[in-house]
Every structure is written in C-alpha cells, then in structure tokens.
Amino acid sequence: MGKLSIEEMRDFSHFSHEHPLELTNLWPQGHTVCSGCKMSIVAGKDYYTCKPCSYYLHSTCYNLPRLIQHPADPNHDLNLVPSASFDCKACGLRGSGFSYNCSFCLVHCHTYVPQCHSQKHTVFILTH
C-alpha cells in the first residue's frame, strides 16, 4: 500500500481520545508506540494519529470490539477501556494501554496475545 489518498486522510473519532484522529501510513517521527497495545508503530501500515497530542493507534487497535465475552469473567461482558495500569486476570502479568474490563468484578485482560502468554487468551483475543 502506498500513500493514502486525500479522500482517505480524513478525521476519525475514537472513544479513547477526545480529539479527531487522522488515518495515515507515513513513517512516524522517533520511536512511536500505539496507545492501545503499547507496541511500536511501523511505517507503511495504517495507523491513526492525533499529532498535537502524540496519540497513536494501530488500525487493529482502533477497530477492536468495544464489548467481548471472555472466560476470565464468564458472567459478564468485558468492555474495552484505556487503562493506565492493570493486572491481567488470565495471565497475572501487569499491563497498560487498552484492556478488557468488567466494572462489576474488577477483572482486566490484555487485548492481544503477544502481551499475554496465557493459553486462555488465544481463542478470545485478537492478534496483530
């Protein structure tokens, strides 16, 4: 995929950020990480950015489902939320960025398999 056309470079909104985001695939300046998964942004792949805020989201993170069911909390749906820090219920490891959360049970789970090596995640959580 080459440069995005003018039609593709429009403003997008996302629940996790108060400003409009721009879709791009240009090389980010410096080491840039996704605010959702905390993994590096790579040139040539689509991502969303709020340049004034230095806020970035992989296209995959931008499109994560807002609500999922997960065996870590079989009685409630888990909501996608931005988290400063959390302990993953499935693997016990600390995480930050987006997590799936149950506000009733205070359960958090990683959003991506590379963040969590628990086999409980492999069927339910998306991969990049």
N, C-alpha and C. Protein backbone atom coordinates (compact mmCIF):
# COMPACT_ATOMS: atom_id res chain seq x y z
N MET A 1 0.85 -1.18 0.00
CA MET A 1 0.00 0.00 0.00
C MET A 1 0.89 1.24 0.00
N GLY A 2 0.60 2.19 -0.87
CA GLY A 2 1.37 3.42 -0.95
C GLY A 2 0.79 4.48 -0.03
N LYS A 3 1.02 5.72 -0.41
CA LYS A 3 0.46 6.83 0.36
C LYS A 3 -1.05 6.81 0.27
N LEU A 4 -1.68 7.28 1.33
CA LEU A 4 -3.13 7.36 1.33
C LEU A 4 -3.58 8.54 0.47
N SER A 5 -4.71 8.40 -0.20
CA SER A 5 -5.25 9.49 -1.00
C SER A 5 -5.83 10.56 -0.08
N ILE A 6 -6.08 11.74 -0.64
CA ILE A 6 -6.67 12.84 0.13
C ILE A 6 -8.01 12.42 0.72
N GLU A 7 -8.78 11.63 -0.03
CA GLU A 7 -10.08 11.17 0.46
C GLU A 7 -9.94 10.29 1.70
N GLU A 8 -8.85 9.51 1.76
CA GLU A 8 -8.64 8.61 2.89
C GLU A 8 -8.10 9.34 4.13
N MET A 9 -7.50 10.51 3.94
CA MET A 9 -6.90 11.25 5.05
C MET A 9 -7.94 12.21 5.63
N ARG A 10 -8.92 11.68 6.31
CA ARG A 10 -9.95 12.50 6.93
C ARG A 10 -9.94 12.24 8.43
N ASP A 11 -10.74 12.99 9.14
CA ASP A 11 -10.76 12.86 10.59
C ASP A 11 -11.65 11.70 11.03
N PHE A 12 -11.17 10.99 12.05
CA PHE A 12 -11.90 9.87 12.63
C PHE A 12 -12.03 10.13 14.13
N SER A 13 -13.04 9.57 14.73
CA SER A 13 -13.18 9.70 16.19
C SER A 13 -13.01 8.31 16.82
N HIS A 14 -12.57 8.32 18.08
CA HIS A 14 -12.41 7.09 18.83
C HIS A 14 -12.74 7.38 20.28
N PHE A 15 -13.42 6.47 20.94
CA PHE A 15 -13.85 6.69 22.32
C PHE A 15 -12.68 6.99 23.26
N SER A 16 -11.49 6.55 22.94
CA SER A 16 -10.34 6.65 23.84
C SER A 16 -9.63 8.00 23.78
N HIS A 17 -10.03 8.86 22.86
CA HIS A 17 -9.32 10.13 22.72
C HIS A 17 -10.30 11.25 22.37
N GLU A 18 -10.12 12.40 22.98
CA GLU A 18 -11.08 13.49 22.82
C GLU A 18 -10.96 14.27 21.51
N HIS A 19 -9.83 14.18 20.83
CA HIS A 19 -9.63 14.91 19.57
C HIS A 19 -9.84 14.00 18.36
N PRO A 20 -10.10 14.60 17.19
CA PRO A 20 -10.19 13.79 15.96
C PRO A 20 -8.85 13.14 15.66
N LEU A 21 -8.90 11.96 15.07
CA LEU A 21 -7.69 11.24 14.67
C LEU A 21 -7.60 11.24 13.15
N GLU A 22 -6.39 11.19 12.65
CA GLU A 22 -6.14 11.15 11.22
C GLU A 22 -5.57 9.78 10.86
N LEU A 23 -6.09 9.18 9.79
CA LEU A 23 -5.57 7.90 9.29
C LEU A 23 -4.37 8.18 8.40
N THR A 24 -3.27 7.48 8.65
CA THR A 24 -2.07 7.66 7.85
C THR A 24 -1.27 6.36 7.82
N ASN A 25 -0.27 6.30 6.97
CA ASN A 25 0.67 5.18 6.98
C ASN A 25 2.10 5.70 6.79
N LEU A 26 2.29 6.99 7.03
CA LEU A 26 3.60 7.61 6.90
C LEU A 26 4.48 7.25 8.09
N TRP A 27 5.80 7.32 7.90
CA TRP A 27 6.75 7.00 8.96
C TRP A 27 6.58 7.97 10.12
N PRO A 28 6.29 7.49 11.34
CA PRO A 28 6.20 8.40 12.49
C PRO A 28 7.58 8.88 12.89
N GLN A 29 7.65 10.06 13.48
CA GLN A 29 8.94 10.60 13.90
C GLN A 29 9.34 10.00 15.24
N GLY A 30 10.58 9.53 15.32
CA GLY A 30 11.08 8.93 16.55
C GLY A 30 10.44 7.58 16.82
N HIS A 31 10.74 7.02 17.98
CA HIS A 31 10.14 5.75 18.39
C HIS A 31 8.72 6.03 18.86
N THR A 32 7.75 5.50 18.16
CA THR A 32 6.34 5.78 18.42
C THR A 32 5.63 4.49 18.78
N VAL A 33 4.86 4.52 19.86
CA VAL A 33 4.11 3.33 20.28
C VAL A 33 2.61 3.60 20.24
N CYS A 34 1.88 2.56 20.01
CA CYS A 34 0.42 2.61 20.00
C CYS A 34 -0.08 2.82 21.42
N SER A 35 -1.00 3.74 21.60
CA SER A 35 -1.58 4.00 22.92
C SER A 35 -2.49 2.86 23.38
N GLY A 36 -2.92 2.01 22.44
CA GLY A 36 -3.79 0.90 22.79
C GLY A 36 -3.05 -0.33 23.27
N CYS A 37 -2.06 -0.78 22.49
CA CYS A 37 -1.37 -2.04 22.82
C CYS A 37 0.06 -1.85 23.31
N LYS A 38 0.58 -0.63 23.20
CA LYS A 38 1.94 -0.28 23.63
C LYS A 38 3.03 -0.94 22.78
N MET A 39 2.67 -1.39 21.56
CA MET A 39 3.65 -1.93 20.62
C MET A 39 4.01 -0.83 19.61
N SER A 40 5.16 -0.98 18.95
CA SER A 40 5.66 0.04 18.03
C SER A 40 4.74 0.24 16.83
N ILE A 41 4.68 1.50 16.38
CA ILE A 41 4.02 1.85 15.13
C ILE A 41 5.06 1.64 14.02
N VAL A 42 4.66 1.01 12.93
CA VAL A 42 5.57 0.68 11.84
C VAL A 42 5.15 1.44 10.59
N ALA A 43 6.12 2.00 9.90
CA ALA A 43 5.84 2.72 8.65
C ALA A 43 5.26 1.77 7.61
N GLY A 44 4.36 2.30 6.81
CA GLY A 44 3.77 1.52 5.73
C GLY A 44 2.50 0.80 6.13
N LYS A 45 2.21 0.71 7.41
CA LYS A 45 0.96 0.11 7.89
C LYS A 45 0.06 1.23 8.39
N ASP A 46 -1.23 1.11 8.13
CA ASP A 46 -2.17 2.14 8.55
C ASP A 46 -2.21 2.27 10.06
N TYR A 47 -2.27 3.52 10.51
CA TYR A 47 -2.48 3.82 11.93
C TYR A 47 -3.18 5.16 12.03
N TYR A 48 -3.71 5.43 13.19
CA TYR A 48 -4.42 6.67 13.46
C TYR A 48 -3.58 7.52 14.39
N THR A 49 -3.62 8.84 14.17
CA THR A 49 -2.81 9.73 14.99
C THR A 49 -3.54 11.02 15.31
N CYS A 50 -3.24 11.55 16.47
CA CYS A 50 -3.59 12.92 16.85
C CYS A 50 -2.25 13.61 17.04
N LYS A 51 -1.79 14.28 16.00
CA LYS A 51 -0.45 14.85 16.02
C LYS A 51 -0.20 15.83 17.16
N PRO A 52 -1.15 16.73 17.48
CA PRO A 52 -0.88 17.66 18.59
C PRO A 52 -0.67 16.95 19.94
N CYS A 53 -1.29 15.79 20.10
CA CYS A 53 -1.21 15.07 21.38
C CYS A 53 -0.19 13.93 21.37
N SER A 54 0.38 13.63 20.23
CA SER A 54 1.25 12.45 20.09
C SER A 54 0.51 11.19 20.53
N TYR A 55 -0.72 11.06 20.09
CA TYR A 55 -1.57 9.90 20.38
C TYR A 55 -1.63 9.05 19.11
N TYR A 56 -1.37 7.75 19.23
CA TYR A 56 -1.32 6.86 18.08
C TYR A 56 -2.09 5.58 18.38
N LEU A 57 -2.76 5.05 17.37
CA LEU A 57 -3.44 3.75 17.47
C LEU A 57 -3.21 2.96 16.19
N HIS A 58 -2.76 1.70 16.34
CA HIS A 58 -2.75 0.81 15.18
C HIS A 58 -4.17 0.72 14.64
N SER A 59 -4.30 0.46 13.37
CA SER A 59 -5.61 0.26 12.78
C SER A 59 -6.36 -0.88 13.49
N THR A 60 -5.62 -1.93 13.82
CA THR A 60 -6.22 -3.07 14.54
C THR A 60 -6.75 -2.65 15.91
N CYS A 61 -5.99 -1.84 16.63
CA CYS A 61 -6.43 -1.38 17.96
C CYS A 61 -7.62 -0.43 17.84
N TYR A 62 -7.60 0.40 16.82
CA TYR A 62 -8.71 1.32 16.57
C TYR A 62 -10.01 0.53 16.37
N ASN A 63 -9.91 -0.63 15.74
CA ASN A 63 -11.09 -1.42 15.38
C ASN A 63 -11.42 -2.55 16.35
N LEU A 64 -10.80 -2.59 17.51
CA LEU A 64 -11.13 -3.62 18.49
C LEU A 64 -12.60 -3.53 18.88
N PRO A 65 -13.26 -4.67 19.10
CA PRO A 65 -14.65 -4.62 19.55
C PRO A 65 -14.74 -3.99 20.94
N ARG A 66 -15.76 -3.19 21.15
CA ARG A 66 -15.92 -2.50 22.44
C ARG A 66 -16.40 -3.44 23.53
N LEU A 67 -16.99 -4.57 23.16
CA LEU A 67 -17.57 -5.50 24.12
C LEU A 67 -17.25 -6.92 23.69
N ILE A 68 -16.75 -7.75 24.64
CA ILE A 68 -16.48 -9.16 24.35
C ILE A 68 -16.93 -10.02 25.52
N GLN A 69 -17.03 -11.32 25.27
CA GLN A 69 -17.21 -12.30 26.33
C GLN A 69 -15.88 -13.01 26.49
N HIS A 70 -15.51 -13.33 27.73
CA HIS A 70 -14.19 -13.91 27.99
C HIS A 70 -14.30 -14.87 29.17
N PRO A 71 -13.59 -16.00 29.14
CA PRO A 71 -13.68 -16.96 30.23
C PRO A 71 -13.11 -16.45 31.57
N ALA A 72 -12.37 -15.35 31.55
CA ALA A 72 -11.86 -14.79 32.80
C ALA A 72 -13.00 -14.25 33.66
N ASP A 73 -14.14 -13.92 33.03
CA ASP A 73 -15.34 -13.46 33.74
C ASP A 73 -16.55 -13.94 32.95
N PRO A 74 -16.92 -15.22 33.10
CA PRO A 74 -17.97 -15.79 32.27
C PRO A 74 -19.37 -15.22 32.54
N ASN A 75 -19.56 -14.50 33.64
CA ASN A 75 -20.89 -13.99 33.99
C ASN A 75 -21.17 -12.59 33.45
N HIS A 76 -20.15 -11.90 32.94
CA HIS A 76 -20.35 -10.53 32.46
C HIS A 76 -19.59 -10.31 31.15
N ASP A 77 -20.09 -9.38 30.36
CA ASP A 77 -19.34 -8.92 29.19
C ASP A 77 -18.20 -8.04 29.67
N LEU A 78 -17.11 -8.03 28.91
CA LEU A 78 -15.98 -7.16 29.23
C LEU A 78 -15.95 -5.99 28.25
N ASN A 79 -15.72 -4.79 28.77
CA ASN A 79 -15.68 -3.57 27.97
C ASN A 79 -14.25 -3.17 27.69
N LEU A 80 -14.00 -2.69 26.48
CA LEU A 80 -12.69 -2.17 26.11
C LEU A 80 -12.52 -0.80 26.76
N VAL A 81 -11.45 -0.64 27.54
CA VAL A 81 -11.19 0.62 28.23
C VAL A 81 -9.70 0.97 28.16
N PRO A 82 -9.37 2.27 28.14
CA PRO A 82 -7.97 2.66 28.29
C PRO A 82 -7.58 2.50 29.76
N SER A 83 -6.46 1.89 30.03
CA SER A 83 -6.03 1.62 31.41
C SER A 83 -4.60 2.10 31.61
N ALA A 84 -4.39 2.91 32.63
CA ALA A 84 -3.03 3.36 32.94
C ALA A 84 -2.19 2.16 33.38
N SER A 85 -2.80 1.26 34.14
CA SER A 85 -2.11 0.07 34.63
C SER A 85 -3.15 -0.93 35.09
N PHE A 86 -2.89 -2.21 34.82
CA PHE A 86 -3.82 -3.25 35.27
C PHE A 86 -3.08 -4.56 35.43
N ASP A 87 -3.67 -5.48 36.18
CA ASP A 87 -3.17 -6.84 36.31
C ASP A 87 -4.11 -7.75 35.53
N CYS A 88 -3.58 -8.47 34.56
CA CYS A 88 -4.38 -9.33 33.70
C CYS A 88 -4.88 -10.54 34.49
N LYS A 89 -6.18 -10.75 34.48
CA LYS A 89 -6.79 -11.88 35.19
C LYS A 89 -6.39 -13.22 34.58
N ALA A 90 -6.16 -13.25 33.27
CA ALA A 90 -5.85 -14.51 32.60
C ALA A 90 -4.42 -14.96 32.84
N CYS A 91 -3.46 -14.02 32.87
CA CYS A 91 -2.06 -14.42 32.98
C CYS A 91 -1.36 -13.89 34.23
N GLY A 92 -1.96 -12.92 34.91
CA GLY A 92 -1.36 -12.36 36.12
C GLY A 92 -0.30 -11.31 35.87
N LEU A 93 0.02 -11.03 34.59
CA LEU A 93 1.04 -10.02 34.28
C LEU A 93 0.45 -8.62 34.29
N ARG A 94 1.29 -7.66 34.58
CA ARG A 94 0.89 -6.26 34.58
C ARG A 94 0.81 -5.77 33.15
N GLY A 95 -0.12 -4.88 32.87
CA GLY A 95 -0.27 -4.30 31.55
C GLY A 95 -0.66 -2.84 31.62
N SER A 96 -0.64 -2.19 30.47
CA SER A 96 -1.13 -0.82 30.35
C SER A 96 -1.64 -0.64 28.93
N GLY A 97 -2.34 0.45 28.69
CA GLY A 97 -2.97 0.66 27.39
C GLY A 97 -4.40 0.15 27.46
N PHE A 98 -4.90 -0.38 26.36
CA PHE A 98 -6.26 -0.91 26.37
C PHE A 98 -6.31 -2.23 27.13
N SER A 99 -7.42 -2.42 27.83
CA SER A 99 -7.70 -3.73 28.44
C SER A 99 -9.19 -3.97 28.30
N TYR A 100 -9.56 -5.23 28.43
CA TYR A 100 -10.96 -5.58 28.53
C TYR A 100 -11.27 -5.69 30.01
N ASN A 101 -12.33 -4.99 30.44
CA ASN A 101 -12.60 -4.80 31.86
C ASN A 101 -14.05 -5.11 32.20
N CYS A 102 -14.24 -5.74 33.37
CA CYS A 102 -15.57 -5.89 33.95
C CYS A 102 -15.63 -4.94 35.15
N SER A 103 -16.48 -3.94 35.08
CA SER A 103 -16.56 -2.95 36.16
C SER A 103 -17.23 -3.54 37.40
N PHE A 104 -17.96 -4.65 37.27
CA PHE A 104 -18.59 -5.29 38.43
C PHE A 104 -17.57 -6.11 39.22
N CYS A 105 -16.78 -6.90 38.51
CA CYS A 105 -15.84 -7.82 39.15
C CYS A 105 -14.42 -7.27 39.23
N LEU A 106 -14.18 -6.12 38.61
CA LEU A 106 -12.85 -5.50 38.56
C LEU A 106 -11.83 -6.39 37.87
N VAL A 107 -12.27 -7.13 36.85
CA VAL A 107 -11.41 -8.00 36.06
C VAL A 107 -10.87 -7.21 34.88
N HIS A 108 -9.58 -7.35 34.60
CA HIS A 108 -8.94 -6.78 33.41
C HIS A 108 -8.24 -7.90 32.66
N CYS A 109 -8.23 -7.81 31.33
CA CYS A 109 -7.50 -8.77 30.49
C CYS A 109 -6.80 -8.01 29.37
N HIS A 110 -5.60 -8.50 29.00
CA HIS A 110 -4.90 -7.94 27.85
C HIS A 110 -5.78 -8.01 26.61
N THR A 111 -5.50 -7.14 25.65
CA THR A 111 -6.25 -7.16 24.39
C THR A 111 -5.60 -8.01 23.33
N TYR A 112 -4.27 -8.30 23.45
CA TYR A 112 -3.56 -9.03 22.41
C TYR A 112 -2.75 -10.17 22.97
N VAL A 113 -2.70 -11.26 22.21
CA VAL A 113 -1.95 -12.44 22.60
C VAL A 113 -0.47 -12.15 22.87
N PRO A 114 0.24 -11.35 22.05
CA PRO A 114 1.67 -11.11 22.36
C PRO A 114 1.90 -10.46 23.72
N GLN A 115 0.90 -9.78 24.25
CA GLN A 115 1.04 -9.17 25.56
C GLN A 115 0.87 -10.20 26.66
N CYS A 116 0.20 -11.27 26.36
CA CYS A 116 -0.15 -12.26 27.38
C CYS A 116 0.09 -13.65 26.82
N HIS A 117 0.85 -14.44 27.51
CA HIS A 117 1.21 -15.76 27.01
C HIS A 117 0.30 -16.87 27.54
N SER A 118 -0.79 -16.49 28.19
CA SER A 118 -1.72 -17.48 28.72
C SER A 118 -2.51 -18.12 27.58
N GLN A 119 -2.66 -19.43 27.60
CA GLN A 119 -3.46 -20.12 26.60
C GLN A 119 -4.93 -19.71 26.67
N LYS A 120 -5.36 -19.16 27.80
CA LYS A 120 -6.75 -18.72 27.93
C LYS A 120 -7.07 -17.60 26.95
N HIS A 121 -6.07 -16.86 26.50
CA HIS A 121 -6.31 -15.74 25.61
C HIS A 121 -6.40 -16.14 24.15
N THR A 122 -5.77 -17.21 23.74
CA THR A 122 -5.56 -17.47 22.32
C THR A 122 -6.84 -17.58 21.51
N VAL A 123 -7.90 -18.04 22.06
CA VAL A 123 -9.16 -18.17 21.32
C VAL A 123 -9.96 -16.89 21.33
N PHE A 124 -9.79 -16.07 22.35
CA PHE A 124 -10.69 -14.96 22.56
C PHE A 124 -10.13 -13.59 22.22
N ILE A 125 -8.83 -13.45 22.19
CA ILE A 125 -8.22 -12.15 21.99
C ILE A 125 -7.59 -12.07 20.61
N LEU A 126 -7.69 -10.92 19.97
CA LEU A 126 -7.18 -10.73 18.62
C LEU A 126 -5.66 -10.64 18.60
N THR A 127 -5.09 -10.89 17.44
CA THR A 127 -3.65 -10.74 17.26
C THR A 127 -3.39 -9.70 16.19
N HIS A 128 -2.23 -9.08 16.22
CA HIS A 128 -1.86 -8.09 15.19
C HIS A 128 -1.56 -8.78 13.90
